[in-house]
Amino acid sequence: MKNRVKELCIEKGISTPNEFALKVGIGVNMATAIWNQEAIIEFNLIEHLTNFFGCSVAYLLCVNEEK
């Protein structure tokens, strides 16, 4: 996901992993791992993130540049 999550967070005004965790409704450890590109994310969380950010799975995973 490269820095796609961090990029999408910045677009929504989210500037820290803690804030990301609170807004998305996930644990701080998971949010930090996603933020630092160290997490293996289960599909249900990917689906939750795409709903939160309003983008496609392909965009979130950096497969294409179209949201």
PDB file of N, CA and C in Angstrom:
ATOM      1  N   MET A   1       0.816  -1.187   0.000  1.00  0.00           N
ATOM      2  CA  MET A   1       0.000   0.000   0.000  1.00  0.00           C
ATOM      3  C   MET A   1       0.860   1.251   0.000  1.00  0.00           C
ATOM      4  N   LYS A   2       2.145   1.077  -0.103  1.00  0.00           N
ATOM      5  CA  LYS A   2       3.083   2.200  -0.113  1.00  0.00           C
ATOM      6  C   LYS A   2       2.691   3.187   0.975  1.00  0.00           C
ATOM      7  N   ASN A   3       2.573   4.434   0.606  1.00  0.00           N
ATOM      8  CA  ASN A   3       2.133   5.446   1.564  1.00  0.00           C
ATOM      9  C   ASN A   3       0.700   5.868   1.293  1.00  0.00           C
ATOM     10  N   ARG A   4      -0.068   5.034   0.613  1.00  0.00           N
ATOM     11  CA  ARG A   4      -1.435   5.390   0.221  1.00  0.00           C
ATOM     12  C   ARG A   4      -2.303   5.706   1.439  1.00  0.00           C
ATOM     13  N   VAL A   5      -2.220   4.909   2.479  1.00  0.00           N
ATOM     14  CA  VAL A   5      -3.042   5.161   3.667  1.00  0.00           C
ATOM     15  C   VAL A   5      -2.665   6.501   4.276  1.00  0.00           C
ATOM     16  N   LYS A   6      -1.380   6.747   4.409  1.00  0.00           N
ATOM     17  CA  LYS A   6      -0.938   8.017   4.984  1.00  0.00           C
ATOM     18  C   LYS A   6      -1.411   9.187   4.105  1.00  0.00           C
ATOM     19  N   GLU A   7      -1.314   9.029   2.792  1.00  0.00           N
ATOM     20  CA  GLU A   7      -1.769  10.052   1.845  1.00  0.00           C
ATOM     21  C   GLU A   7      -3.273  10.314   2.014  1.00  0.00           C
ATOM     22  N   LEU A   8      -4.055   9.254   2.117  1.00  0.00           N
ATOM     23  CA  LEU A   8      -5.499   9.400   2.288  1.00  0.00           C
ATOM     24  C   LEU A   8      -5.841  10.013   3.647  1.00  0.00           C
ATOM     25  N   CYS A   9      -5.078   9.679   4.660  1.00  0.00           N
ATOM     26  CA  CYS A   9      -5.287  10.281   5.976  1.00  0.00           C
ATOM     27  C   CYS A   9      -5.064  11.791   5.915  1.00  0.00           C
ATOM     28  N   ILE A  10      -3.991  12.194   5.278  1.00  0.00           N
ATOM     29  CA  ILE A  10      -3.684  13.621   5.168  1.00  0.00           C
ATOM     30  C   ILE A  10      -4.814  14.349   4.451  1.00  0.00           C
ATOM     31  N   GLU A  11      -5.380  13.722   3.400  1.00  0.00           N
ATOM     32  CA  GLU A  11      -6.511  14.320   2.696  1.00  0.00           C
ATOM     33  C   GLU A  11      -7.698  14.537   3.625  1.00  0.00           C
ATOM     34  N   LYS A  12      -7.867  13.666   4.617  1.00  0.00           N
ATOM     35  CA  LYS A  12      -8.980  13.770   5.571  1.00  0.00           C
ATOM     36  C   LYS A  12      -8.596  14.566   6.816  1.00  0.00           C
ATOM     37  N   GLY A  13      -7.386  15.120   6.834  1.00  0.00           N
ATOM     38  CA  GLY A  13      -6.952  15.914   7.975  1.00  0.00           C
ATOM     39  C   GLY A  13      -6.463  15.097   9.150  1.00  0.00           C
ATOM     40  N   ILE A  14      -6.132  13.838   8.916  1.00  0.00           N
ATOM     41  CA  ILE A  14      -5.630  12.944   9.963  1.00  0.00           C
ATOM     42  C   ILE A  14      -4.110  12.965   9.889  1.00  0.00           C
ATOM     43  N   SER A  15      -3.473  13.329  11.007  1.00  0.00           N
ATOM     44  CA  SER A  15      -2.028  13.531  10.942  1.00  0.00           C
ATOM     45  C   SER A  15      -1.185  12.570  11.772  1.00  0.00           C
ATOM     46  N   THR A  16      -1.821  11.684  12.542  1.00  0.00           N
ATOM     47  CA  THR A  16      -1.055  10.746  13.363  1.00  0.00           C
ATOM     48  C   THR A  16      -1.712   9.368  13.347  1.00  0.00           C
ATOM     49  N   PRO A  17      -0.933   8.327  13.640  1.00  0.00           N
ATOM     50  CA  PRO A  17      -1.517   6.991  13.737  1.00  0.00           C
ATOM     51  C   PRO A  17      -2.592   6.901  14.826  1.00  0.00           C
ATOM     52  N   ASN A  18      -2.405   7.611  15.930  1.00  0.00           N
ATOM     53  CA  ASN A  18      -3.407   7.583  17.011  1.00  0.00           C
ATOM     54  C   ASN A  18      -4.732   8.163  16.529  1.00  0.00           C
ATOM     55  N   GLU A  19      -4.672   9.274  15.835  1.00  0.00           N
ATOM     56  CA  GLU A  19      -5.880   9.895  15.294  1.00  0.00           C
ATOM     57  C   GLU A  19      -6.530   8.979  14.260  1.00  0.00           C
ATOM     58  N   PHE A  20      -5.698   8.347  13.425  1.00  0.00           N
ATOM     59  CA  PHE A  20      -6.168   7.387  12.430  1.00  0.00           C
ATOM     60  C   PHE A  20      -6.925   6.254  13.122  1.00  0.00           C
ATOM     61  N   ALA A  21      -6.353   5.721  14.195  1.00  0.00           N
ATOM     62  CA  ALA A  21      -6.989   4.627  14.949  1.00  0.00           C
ATOM     63  C   ALA A  21      -8.358   5.048  15.471  1.00  0.00           C
ATOM     64  N   LEU A  22      -8.427   6.232  16.049  1.00  0.00           N
ATOM     65  CA  LEU A  22      -9.697   6.717  16.605  1.00  0.00           C
ATOM     66  C   LEU A  22     -10.753   6.932  15.526  1.00  0.00           C
ATOM     67  N   LYS A  23     -10.357   7.533  14.420  1.00  0.00           N
ATOM     68  CA  LYS A  23     -11.310   7.841  13.346  1.00  0.00           C
ATOM     69  C   LYS A  23     -11.826   6.578  12.673  1.00  0.00           C
ATOM     70  N   VAL A  24     -10.940   5.602  12.456  1.00  0.00           N
ATOM     71  CA  VAL A  24     -11.307   4.391  11.726  1.00  0.00           C
ATOM     72  C   VAL A  24     -11.927   3.345  12.655  1.00  0.00           C
ATOM     73  N   GLY A  25     -11.593   3.424  13.922  1.00  0.00           N
ATOM     74  CA  GLY A  25     -12.139   2.460  14.870  1.00  0.00           C
ATOM     75  C   GLY A  25     -11.329   1.184  14.955  1.00  0.00           C
ATOM     76  N   ILE A  26     -10.009   1.326  14.886  1.00  0.00           N
ATOM     77  CA  ILE A  26      -9.115   0.174  15.018  1.00  0.00           C
ATOM     78  C   ILE A  26      -8.140   0.452  16.158  1.00  0.00           C
ATOM     79  N   GLY A  27      -7.415  -0.573  16.560  1.00  0.00           N
ATOM     80  CA  GLY A  27      -6.444  -0.415  17.634  1.00  0.00           C
ATOM     81  C   GLY A  27      -5.254   0.434  17.214  1.00  0.00           C
ATOM     82  N   VAL A  28      -4.653   1.085  18.190  1.00  0.00           N
ATOM     83  CA  VAL A  28      -3.502   1.950  17.923  1.00  0.00           C
ATOM     84  C   VAL A  28      -2.339   1.159  17.346  1.00  0.00           C
ATOM     85  N   ASN A  29      -2.098  -0.053  17.854  1.00  0.00           N
ATOM     86  CA  ASN A  29      -0.986  -0.857  17.334  1.00  0.00           C
ATOM     87  C   ASN A  29      -1.193  -1.186  15.860  1.00  0.00           C
ATOM     88  N   MET A  30      -2.420  -1.571  15.484  1.00  0.00           N
ATOM     89  CA  MET A  30      -2.707  -1.867  14.082  1.00  0.00           C
ATOM     90  C   MET A  30      -2.587  -0.606  13.236  1.00  0.00           C
ATOM     91  N   ALA A  31      -3.116   0.496  13.725  1.00  0.00           N
ATOM     92  CA  ALA A  31      -3.045   1.761  12.983  1.00  0.00           C
ATOM     93  C   ALA A  31      -1.598   2.173  12.756  1.00  0.00           C
ATOM     94  N   THR A  32      -0.768   2.025  13.772  1.00  0.00           N
ATOM     95  CA  THR A  32       0.651   2.376  13.644  1.00  0.00           C
ATOM     96  C   THR A  32       1.341   1.474  12.637  1.00  0.00           C
ATOM     97  N   ALA A  33       1.038   0.189  12.676  1.00  0.00           N
ATOM     98  CA  ALA A  33       1.638  -0.759  11.725  1.00  0.00           C
ATOM     99  C   ALA A  33       1.214  -0.438  10.295  1.00  0.00           C
ATOM    100  N   ILE A  34      -0.060  -0.091  10.095  1.00  0.00           N
ATOM    101  CA  ILE A  34      -0.531   0.289   8.758  1.00  0.00           C
ATOM    102  C   ILE A  34       0.158   1.581   8.329  1.00  0.00           C
ATOM    103  N   TRP A  35       0.204   2.550   9.217  1.00  0.00           N
ATOM    104  CA  TRP A  35       0.814   3.863   8.953  1.00  0.00           C
ATOM    105  C   TRP A  35       2.273   3.693   8.520  1.00  0.00           C
ATOM    106  N   ASN A  36       2.979   2.770   9.178  1.00  0.00           N
ATOM    107  CA  ASN A  36       4.407   2.541   8.898  1.00  0.00           C
ATOM    108  C   ASN A  36       4.644   1.449   7.859  1.00  0.00           C
ATOM    109  N   GLN A  37       3.582   0.991   7.223  1.00  0.00           N
ATOM    110  CA  GLN A  37       3.650  -0.024   6.180  1.00  0.00           C
ATOM    111  C   GLN A  37       4.232  -1.333   6.676  1.00  0.00           C
ATOM    112  N   GLU A  38       3.903  -1.702   7.906  1.00  0.00           N
ATOM    113  CA  GLU A  38       4.430  -2.914   8.506  1.00  0.00           C
ATOM    114  C   GLU A  38       3.353  -3.957   8.776  1.00  0.00           C
ATOM    115  N   ALA A  39       2.135  -3.698   8.321  1.00  0.00           N
ATOM    116  CA  ALA A  39       1.023  -4.590   8.655  1.00  0.00           C
ATOM    117  C   ALA A  39       0.594  -5.435   7.473  1.00  0.00           C
ATOM    118  N   ILE A  40       0.184  -6.636   7.778  1.00  0.00           N
ATOM    119  CA  ILE A  40      -0.523  -7.470   6.813  1.00  0.00           C
ATOM    120  C   ILE A  40      -1.989  -7.313   7.178  1.00  0.00           C
ATOM    121  N   ILE A  41      -2.757  -6.775   6.257  1.00  0.00           N
ATOM    122  CA  ILE A  41      -4.132  -6.403   6.569  1.00  0.00           C
ATOM    123  C   ILE A  41      -5.102  -7.440   6.019  1.00  0.00           C
ATOM    124  N   GLU A  42      -6.017  -7.866   6.869  1.00  0.00           N
ATOM    125  CA  GLU A  42      -7.053  -8.804   6.446  1.00  0.00           C
ATOM    126  C   GLU A  42      -8.048  -8.086   5.544  1.00  0.00           C
ATOM    127  N   PHE A  43      -8.715  -8.855   4.691  1.00  0.00           N
ATOM    128  CA  PHE A  43      -9.609  -8.262   3.712  1.00  0.00           C
ATOM    129  C   PHE A  43     -10.718  -7.439   4.343  1.00  0.00           C
ATOM    130  N   ASN A  44     -11.277  -7.897   5.465  1.00  0.00           N
ATOM    131  CA  ASN A  44     -12.376  -7.128   6.065  1.00  0.00           C
ATOM    132  C   ASN A  44     -11.917  -5.748   6.511  1.00  0.00           C
ATOM    133  N   LEU A  45     -10.668  -5.615   6.920  1.00  0.00           N
ATOM    134  CA  LEU A  45     -10.143  -4.302   7.280  1.00  0.00           C
ATOM    135  C   LEU A  45      -9.895  -3.469   6.022  1.00  0.00           C
ATOM    136  N   ILE A  46      -9.427  -4.103   4.962  1.00  0.00           N
ATOM    137  CA  ILE A  46      -9.247  -3.384   3.696  1.00  0.00           C
ATOM    138  C   ILE A  46     -10.584  -2.831   3.234  1.00  0.00           C
ATOM    139  N   GLU A  47     -11.618  -3.656   3.318  1.00  0.00           N
ATOM    140  CA  GLU A  47     -12.959  -3.203   2.929  1.00  0.00           C
ATOM    141  C   GLU A  47     -13.410  -2.038   3.811  1.00  0.00           C
ATOM    142  N   HIS A  48     -13.160  -2.125   5.100  1.00  0.00           N
ATOM    143  CA  HIS A  48     -13.515  -1.050   6.025  1.00  0.00           C
ATOM    144  C   HIS A  48     -12.769   0.242   5.651  1.00  0.00           C
ATOM    145  N   LEU A  49     -11.478   0.128   5.344  1.00  0.00           N
ATOM    146  CA  LEU A  49     -10.689   1.300   4.977  1.00  0.00           C
ATOM    147  C   LEU A  49     -11.164   1.920   3.667  1.00  0.00           C
ATOM    148  N   THR A  50     -11.509   1.091   2.687  1.00  0.00           N
ATOM    149  CA  THR A  50     -11.987   1.651   1.418  1.00  0.00           C
ATOM    150  C   THR A  50     -13.316   2.379   1.622  1.00  0.00           C
ATOM    151  N   ASN A  51     -14.164   1.868   2.491  1.00  0.00           N
ATOM    152  CA  ASN A  51     -15.415   2.571   2.808  1.00  0.00           C
ATOM    153  C   ASN A  51     -15.130   3.884   3.524  1.00  0.00           C
ATOM    154  N   PHE A  52     -14.207   3.865   4.470  1.00  0.00           N
ATOM    155  CA  PHE A  52     -13.863   5.067   5.226  1.00  0.00           C
ATOM    156  C   PHE A  52     -13.279   6.146   4.318  1.00  0.00           C
ATOM    157  N   PHE A  53     -12.342   5.744   3.444  1.00  0.00           N
ATOM    158  CA  PHE A  53     -11.675   6.715   2.578  1.00  0.00           C
ATOM    159  C   PHE A  53     -12.440   7.009   1.289  1.00  0.00           C
ATOM    160  N   GLY A  54     -13.445   6.199   0.969  1.00  0.00           N
ATOM    161  CA  GLY A  54     -14.208   6.404  -0.251  1.00  0.00           C
ATOM    162  C   GLY A  54     -13.396   6.129  -1.499  1.00  0.00           C
ATOM    163  N   CYS A  55     -12.641   5.046  -1.474  1.00  0.00           N
ATOM    164  CA  CYS A  55     -11.817   4.687  -2.627  1.00  0.00           C
ATOM    165  C   CYS A  55     -11.968   3.195  -2.911  1.00  0.00           C
ATOM    166  N   SER A  56     -11.434   2.783  -4.030  1.00  0.00           N
ATOM    167  CA  SER A  56     -11.491   1.368  -4.409  1.00  0.00           C
ATOM    168  C   SER A  56     -10.363   0.590  -3.734  1.00  0.00           C
ATOM    169  N   VAL A  57     -10.518  -0.712  -3.703  1.00  0.00           N
ATOM    170  CA  VAL A  57      -9.458  -1.581  -3.191  1.00  0.00           C
ATOM    171  C   VAL A  57      -8.206  -1.417  -4.047  1.00  0.00           C
ATOM    172  N   ALA A  58      -8.379  -1.351  -5.349  1.00  0.00           N
ATOM    173  CA  ALA A  58      -7.235  -1.199  -6.264  1.00  0.00           C
ATOM    174  C   ALA A  58      -6.460   0.081  -5.972  1.00  0.00           C
ATOM    175  N   TYR A  59      -7.171   1.159  -5.674  1.00  0.00           N
ATOM    176  CA  TYR A  59      -6.497   2.420  -5.349  1.00  0.00           C
ATOM    177  C   TYR A  59      -5.764   2.306  -4.021  1.00  0.00           C
ATOM    178  N   LEU A  60      -6.424   1.748  -3.024  1.00  0.00           N
ATOM    179  CA  LEU A  60      -5.818   1.597  -1.710  1.00  0.00           C
ATOM    180  C   LEU A  60      -4.542   0.742  -1.782  1.00  0.00           C
ATOM    181  N   LEU A  61      -4.572  -0.283  -2.610  1.00  0.00           N
ATOM    182  CA  LEU A  61      -3.414  -1.182  -2.743  1.00  0.00           C
ATOM    183  C   LEU A  61      -2.417  -0.727  -3.795  1.00  0.00           C
ATOM    184  N   CYS A  62      -2.622   0.466  -4.341  1.00  0.00           N
ATOM    185  CA  CYS A  62      -1.710   1.075  -5.323  1.00  0.00           C
ATOM    186  C   CYS A  62      -1.643   0.296  -6.631  1.00  0.00           C
ATOM    187  N   VAL A  63      -2.744  -0.371  -6.995  1.00  0.00           N
ATOM    188  CA  VAL A  63      -2.801  -1.082  -8.265  1.00  0.00           C
ATOM    189  C   VAL A  63      -3.073  -0.102  -9.393  1.00  0.00           C
ATOM    190  N   ASN A  64      -3.865   0.947  -9.087  1.00  0.00           N
ATOM    191  CA  ASN A  64      -4.092   2.004 -10.059  1.00  0.00           C
ATOM    192  C   ASN A  64      -4.186   3.339  -9.358  1.00  0.00           C
ATOM    193  N   GLU A  65      -4.255   4.398 -10.138  1.00  0.00           N
ATOM    194  CA  GLU A  65      -4.267   5.750  -9.590  1.00  0.00           C
ATOM    195  C   GLU A  65      -5.653   6.367  -9.571  1.00  0.00           C
ATOM    196  N   GLU A  66      -6.667   5.610  -9.925  1.00  0.00           N
ATOM    197  CA  GLU A  66      -8.030   6.130  -9.952  1.00  0.00           C
ATOM    198  C   GLU A  66      -8.785   5.666  -8.709  1.00  0.00           C
ATOM    199  N   LYS A  67      -9.302   6.626  -7.944  1.00  0.00           N
ATOM    200  CA  LYS A  67     -10.016   6.275  -6.714  1.00  0.00           C
ATOM    201  C   LYS A  67     -11.281   5.518  -7.030  1.00  0.00           C
TER     202      LYS A  67
END
